[in-house]
Protein backbone atom coordinates (compact mmCIF):
# COMPACT_ATOMS: atom_id res chain seq x y z
CA UNK A 1 142.67 -77.80 27.77
CA UNK A 2 142.78 -81.23 29.42
CA UNK A 3 139.54 -83.10 28.73
CA UNK A 4 140.06 -85.14 31.91
CA UNK A 5 139.91 -82.10 34.17
CA UNK A 6 136.82 -81.14 36.11
CA UNK A 7 136.17 -77.50 35.27
CA UNK A 8 134.29 -74.83 37.20
CA UNK A 9 133.16 -71.29 36.48
CA UNK A 10 130.66 -68.65 37.51
CA UNK A 11 127.78 -68.90 35.04
CA UNK A 12 125.90 -65.73 35.91
CA UNK A 13 127.05 -62.11 35.51
CA UNK A 14 128.99 -60.69 38.43
CA UNK A 15 127.01 -58.13 40.36
CA UNK A 16 124.18 -57.79 42.83
CA UNK A 17 121.27 -60.16 42.24
CA UNK A 18 118.99 -62.71 43.82
CA UNK A 19 120.76 -65.81 42.49
CA UNK A 20 124.29 -66.61 41.39
CA UNK A 21 125.23 -69.89 39.72
CA UNK A 22 128.55 -71.74 39.85
CA UNK A 23 128.82 -74.67 37.45
CA UNK A 24 131.13 -77.68 37.33
CA UNK A 25 131.57 -80.29 34.61
CA UNK A 26 133.74 -83.39 34.53
CA UNK A 27 134.43 -86.77 36.08
CA UNK A 28 134.88 -85.38 39.61
CA UNK A 29 132.09 -82.80 39.57
CA UNK A 30 129.80 -84.70 41.94
CA UNK A 31 132.70 -85.81 44.16
CA UNK A 32 134.02 -82.26 44.58
CA UNK A 33 130.54 -80.86 45.24
CA UNK A 34 129.88 -83.55 47.83
CA UNK A 35 133.11 -82.68 49.67
CA UNK A 36 131.96 -79.08 50.35
CA UNK A 37 128.18 -79.53 50.60
CA UNK A 38 126.24 -80.23 53.81
CA UNK A 39 122.65 -81.17 52.87
CA UNK A 40 119.74 -80.43 55.17
CA UNK A 41 118.44 -83.97 54.55
CA UNK A 42 120.39 -87.19 55.04
CA UNK A 43 121.62 -87.74 51.50
CA UNK A 44 124.87 -88.10 49.61
CA UNK A 45 125.22 -86.38 46.27
CA UNK A 46 127.06 -89.40 44.89
CA UNK A 47 123.92 -91.49 45.45
CA UNK A 48 121.11 -89.14 44.42
CA UNK A 49 119.27 -89.59 41.10
CA UNK A 50 120.23 -87.46 38.12
CA UNK A 51 118.52 -84.15 37.51
CA UNK A 52 117.56 -83.57 41.14
CA UNK A 53 117.92 -80.47 43.33
CA UNK A 54 119.07 -80.49 46.96
CA UNK A 55 119.05 -77.85 49.69
CA UNK A 56 121.92 -77.29 52.10
CA UNK A 57 125.02 -75.26 52.87
CA UNK A 58 128.46 -74.86 51.32
CA UNK A 59 131.13 -75.33 53.99
CA UNK A 60 134.72 -74.18 54.04
CA UNK A 61 135.87 -76.39 56.88
CA UNK A 62 133.31 -75.61 59.56
CA UNK A 63 132.50 -72.16 58.18
CA UNK A 64 129.20 -71.83 56.34
CA UNK A 65 129.85 -69.86 53.18
CA UNK A 66 126.29 -69.79 51.89
CA UNK A 67 122.91 -71.48 51.84
CA UNK A 68 122.47 -73.08 48.43
CA UNK A 69 120.54 -75.34 46.10
CA UNK A 70 122.68 -77.96 44.36
CA UNK A 71 121.56 -79.55 41.09
CA UNK A 72 123.11 -82.87 40.10
CA UNK A 73 122.98 -83.91 36.42
CA UNK A 74 124.69 -87.08 35.31
CA UNK A 75 126.24 -87.90 31.96
CA UNK A 76 125.28 -88.24 29.21
CA UNK A 77 122.03 -86.26 29.60
CA UNK A 78 123.77 -82.93 30.20
CA UNK A 79 124.94 -79.97 28.15
CA UNK A 80 128.54 -81.23 28.05
CA UNK A 81 127.63 -84.95 28.15
CA UNK A 82 129.71 -85.08 31.33
CA UNK A 83 128.60 -85.08 34.97
CA UNK A 84 127.46 -81.53 35.72
CA UNK A 85 126.77 -79.86 39.07
CA UNK A 86 125.24 -76.40 39.41
CA UNK A 87 125.36 -74.57 42.73
CA UNK A 88 122.71 -71.88 43.11
CA UNK A 89 123.92 -69.49 45.80
CA UNK A 90 122.97 -65.95 46.68
CA UNK A 91 123.75 -63.40 44.02
CA UNK A 92 126.55 -60.95 44.55
CA UNK A 93 130.26 -60.96 43.92
CA UNK A 94 131.38 -62.25 47.31
CA UNK A 95 129.18 -65.37 47.44
CA UNK A 96 129.88 -66.74 43.97
CA UNK A 97 133.60 -66.00 44.18
CA UNK A 98 133.87 -67.69 47.56
CA UNK A 99 132.10 -70.81 46.29
CA UNK A 100 134.18 -70.92 43.12
CA UNK A 101 137.43 -70.49 45.06
CA UNK A 102 136.46 -73.37 47.36
CA UNK A 103 135.77 -75.67 44.39
CA UNK A 104 139.12 -74.78 42.83
CA UNK A 105 140.91 -75.56 46.11
CA UNK A 106 139.19 -78.95 46.20
CA UNK A 107 140.28 -80.15 42.78
CA UNK A 108 138.40 -78.29 40.06
CA UNK A 109 140.14 -76.19 37.43
CA UNK A 110 138.94 -72.76 36.34
CA UNK A 111 137.21 -73.20 32.99
CA UNK A 112 138.61 -71.45 29.96
CA UNK A 113 136.39 -69.04 28.11
CA UNK A 114 133.72 -71.03 26.24
CA UNK A 115 135.05 -74.35 27.53
CA UNK A 116 131.64 -75.76 28.54
CA UNK A 117 130.37 -75.27 24.98
CA UNK A 118 133.67 -76.57 23.60
CA UNK A 119 133.21 -79.78 25.58
CA UNK A 120 129.65 -80.06 24.34
CA UNK A 121 131.00 -79.89 20.78
CA UNK A 122 133.91 -82.28 21.35
CA UNK A 123 131.61 -84.78 23.05
CA UNK A 124 129.15 -84.73 20.14
CA UNK A 125 126.37 -82.94 22.01
CA UNK A 126 126.19 -80.08 19.48
CA UNK A 127 127.57 -79.36 16.01
CA UNK A 128 129.98 -76.55 15.16
CA UNK A 129 127.24 -74.26 13.84
CA UNK A 130 125.18 -74.94 16.98
CA UNK A 131 128.19 -74.01 19.12
CA UNK A 132 128.40 -70.70 17.25
CA UNK A 133 124.66 -70.25 17.72
CA UNK A 134 125.05 -70.56 21.50
CA UNK A 135 127.38 -67.55 21.40
CA UNK A 136 124.93 -65.74 19.11
CA UNK A 137 122.12 -66.32 21.63
CA UNK A 138 124.25 -64.97 24.48
CA UNK A 139 125.18 -61.88 22.48
CA UNK A 140 121.76 -61.29 20.90
CA UNK A 141 120.69 -57.65 21.23
CA UNK A 142 117.18 -58.03 19.80
CA UNK A 143 114.26 -60.48 19.87
CA UNK A 144 114.83 -61.25 16.18
CA UNK A 145 118.49 -62.06 16.81
CA UNK A 146 117.57 -64.33 19.72
CA UNK A 147 114.95 -66.22 17.70
CA UNK A 148 117.43 -66.78 14.86
CA UNK A 149 120.07 -68.09 17.26
CA UNK A 150 117.65 -70.44 19.03
CA UNK A 151 116.45 -71.82 15.69
CA UNK A 152 120.06 -72.52 14.77
CA UNK A 153 120.70 -74.19 18.14
CA UNK A 154 117.71 -76.42 17.37
CA UNK A 155 119.55 -77.68 14.29
CA UNK A 156 117.51 -76.08 11.50
CA UNK A 157 120.55 -74.84 9.57
CA UNK A 158 122.34 -78.19 10.02
CA UNK A 159 119.28 -80.09 8.79
CA UNK A 160 119.04 -77.92 5.67
CA UNK A 161 122.72 -78.34 4.84
CA UNK A 162 122.57 -82.11 5.38
CA UNK A 163 119.50 -82.33 3.12
CA UNK A 164 121.34 -80.44 0.38
CA UNK A 165 124.39 -82.64 0.80
CA UNK A 166 122.35 -85.84 0.48
CA UNK A 167 120.52 -84.61 -2.61
CA UNK A 168 123.75 -83.49 -4.27
CA UNK A 169 125.29 -86.88 -3.53
CA UNK A 170 122.27 -88.65 -5.06
CA UNK A 171 122.41 -86.42 -8.12
CA UNK A 172 126.14 -87.07 -8.51
CA UNK A 173 125.48 -90.81 -8.34
CA UNK A 174 122.95 -90.52 -11.18
CA UNK A 175 125.46 -88.59 -13.29
CA UNK A 176 128.21 -91.15 -12.64
CA UNK A 177 125.90 -93.99 -13.64
CA UNK A 178 125.32 -92.28 -16.98
CA UNK A 179 129.08 -91.84 -17.48
CA UNK A 180 130.18 -95.32 -16.38
CA UNK A 181 127.30 -97.22 -18.01
CA UNK A 182 126.28 -95.34 -21.15
CA UNK A 183 124.20 -98.31 -22.33
CA UNK A 184 121.94 -98.05 -19.28
CA UNK A 185 118.76 -96.17 -20.05
CA UNK A 186 119.16 -93.54 -17.33
CA UNK A 187 116.70 -90.69 -16.98
CA UNK A 188 118.91 -87.76 -17.97
CA UNK A 189 116.17 -85.24 -18.75
CA UNK A 190 115.43 -84.32 -15.11
CA UNK A 191 119.12 -83.78 -14.28
CA UNK A 192 119.43 -80.19 -15.45
CA UNK A 193 116.27 -78.95 -13.65
CA UNK A 194 117.45 -80.78 -10.52
CA UNK A 195 120.86 -79.09 -10.70
CA UNK A 196 119.24 -75.69 -11.17
CA UNK A 197 116.91 -76.30 -8.22
CA UNK A 198 119.86 -77.19 -5.99
CA UNK A 199 121.76 -74.12 -7.16
CA UNK A 200 118.78 -71.90 -6.35
CA UNK A 201 118.51 -73.40 -2.86
CA UNK A 202 122.22 -72.88 -2.19
CA UNK A 203 121.99 -69.26 -3.34
CA UNK A 204 118.95 -68.71 -1.11
CA UNK A 205 120.87 -70.20 1.80
CA UNK A 206 123.70 -67.74 1.11
CA UNK A 207 121.25 -64.82 1.05
CA UNK A 208 119.72 -65.93 4.33
CA UNK A 209 123.19 -66.25 5.84
CA UNK A 210 123.93 -62.65 4.81
CA UNK A 211 120.65 -61.48 6.37
CA UNK A 212 121.48 -63.51 9.46
CA UNK A 213 124.81 -61.71 9.77
CA UNK A 214 122.97 -58.38 9.78
CA UNK A 215 120.55 -59.62 12.46
CA UNK A 216 123.44 -61.00 14.51
CA UNK A 217 126.02 -58.24 14.12
CA UNK A 218 123.79 -55.29 13.28
CA UNK A 219 124.51 -52.29 11.11
CA UNK A 220 126.55 -49.14 11.60
CA UNK A 221 125.00 -45.82 10.57
CA UNK A 222 127.11 -42.64 10.56
CA UNK A 223 125.34 -39.27 10.83
CA UNK A 224 127.49 -36.77 8.92
CA UNK A 225 127.32 -33.23 7.60
CA UNK A 226 128.67 -29.73 8.10
CA UNK A 227 128.63 -28.17 11.59
CA UNK A 228 125.23 -27.18 13.03
CA UNK A 229 123.05 -29.01 10.50
CA UNK A 230 121.30 -30.98 13.26
CA UNK A 231 123.30 -34.19 13.52
CA UNK A 232 123.21 -34.32 17.31
CA UNK A 233 119.57 -33.25 17.34
CA UNK A 234 118.74 -36.13 15.01
CA UNK A 235 120.60 -38.62 17.22
CA UNK A 236 118.76 -37.39 20.31
CA UNK A 237 115.43 -37.65 18.50
CA UNK A 238 116.13 -41.23 17.43
CA UNK A 239 117.18 -42.19 20.96
CA UNK A 240 114.37 -40.19 22.59
CA UNK A 241 116.88 -38.83 25.08
CA UNK A 242 119.44 -36.04 25.36
CA UNK A 243 122.48 -38.18 24.61
CA UNK A 244 124.50 -35.65 22.60
CA UNK A 245 125.10 -32.02 23.57
CA UNK A 246 123.26 -29.57 21.33
CA UNK A 247 124.17 -25.85 21.18
CA UNK A 248 124.00 -23.10 18.54
CA UNK A 249 127.82 -22.98 18.54
CA UNK A 250 129.36 -24.65 15.45
CA UNK A 251 131.81 -27.42 16.29
CA UNK A 252 130.18 -28.43 19.60
CA UNK A 253 130.62 -32.13 18.78
CA UNK A 254 134.35 -32.87 18.83
CA UNK A 255 134.26 -36.65 19.30
CA UNK A 256 132.00 -39.41 17.98
CA UNK A 257 128.96 -40.30 20.09
CA UNK A 258 127.69 -43.87 19.62
CA UNK A 259 124.50 -45.58 20.75
CA UNK A 260 122.64 -48.71 19.63
CA UNK A 261 118.96 -48.60 18.66
CA UNK A 262 116.68 -51.38 17.42
CA UNK A 263 115.12 -50.89 14.00
CA UNK A 264 112.65 -53.64 13.02
CA UNK A 265 114.61 -56.22 14.96
CA UNK A 266 118.02 -55.09 13.68
CA UNK A 267 120.54 -53.51 16.10
CA UNK A 268 121.82 -50.32 14.52
CA UNK A 269 124.81 -48.48 15.96
CA UNK A 270 124.19 -44.78 15.37
CA UNK A 271 127.30 -42.59 15.28
CA UNK A 272 127.03 -38.84 15.70
CA UNK A 273 130.14 -37.24 14.20
CA UNK A 274 131.93 -33.92 14.28
CA UNK A 275 130.96 -31.41 11.61
CA UNK A 276 132.93 -31.70 8.38
CA UNK A 277 134.78 -28.49 7.60
CA UNK A 278 138.40 -27.26 7.55
CA UNK A 279 139.41 -27.58 11.24
CA UNK A 280 140.18 -24.48 13.26
CA UNK A 281 142.34 -26.19 15.90
CA UNK A 282 144.01 -29.50 16.75
CA UNK A 283 141.02 -30.82 18.72
CA UNK A 284 138.60 -30.20 15.88
CA UNK A 285 141.08 -31.73 13.44
CA UNK A 286 141.05 -34.95 15.46
CA UNK A 287 137.23 -34.85 15.53
CA UNK A 288 137.10 -34.59 11.73
CA UNK A 289 139.58 -37.45 11.44
CA UNK A 290 137.37 -39.64 13.65
CA UNK A 291 134.31 -38.67 11.63
CA UNK A 292 136.10 -39.82 8.47
CA UNK A 293 136.95 -43.15 10.10
CA UNK A 294 133.29 -43.55 11.12
CA UNK A 295 132.22 -43.01 7.51
CA UNK A 296 134.71 -45.64 6.32
CA UNK A 297 133.30 -48.34 8.62
CA UNK A 298 129.63 -47.43 8.26
CA UNK A 299 127.13 -49.61 6.41
CA UNK A 300 124.86 -46.58 6.03
CA UNK A 301 125.78 -42.89 5.87
CA UNK A 302 123.09 -40.34 6.77
CA UNK A 303 124.12 -37.05 5.16
CA UNK A 304 122.35 -34.04 6.68
CA UNK A 305 122.04 -30.85 4.63
CA UNK A 306 120.95 -27.41 5.85
CA UNK A 307 118.96 -25.62 3.18
């Protein structure tokens, strides 16, 4: 990565939609945008105020590629703390790819994966844990996961860690005073309770981090048992749809069937497995092997019994 490059990328998912966004960041972002943009009003992007939106067309030579809205945001009040330009064009694969290709031909470089957030971190816009939280927000599968990520982006975790660090440093200073100047009448009685309080807070932070991992990454639950005990029926009932094939014939499920459900804000990957019994053929043997692997990686095993 060259920090001096102006980078560009499609910022919205590829596919049919109302709006597609192509983003640029870097020293030449406004210059490159201005070279391909024909505004409907008499303006120049290089002269417009920051954080303003302008209507016009993207031109490839004299060919109009699309009608767009261009947003100009100047450093340092941007996500990357660099000049940023966002081009809102029509959604769809053809439009955004055509605009991106034109920007690349006019001096921008295709951004690496996560490079906008990387620049935000390198330029001091966000901390490392906030950079991770951005990814968590993008990947959040539940409302609870999204709220946790947004709170982290807001700096709550960083503030708590910095507070602990400052208090530990102050406590260490008090201890060192007592060691270096034994004649000084230092208040030593509160030291032990203060150390214990800090330890308790650190342990609570560790517990919350573990819970946060579950919210972020979810849990894996394997549904296991002998053939025809109702594993697939249970999966279908949880999903409220006919996801797995159910028949009276033992051994119907030969492969694992996986789906994600939300349980109290936690994404849970449910895995329906082949019935566990001595296999009767090579296909069933592979199914049992995959069921065993599912059990090994599961956080929770639901064992079904037929009485």
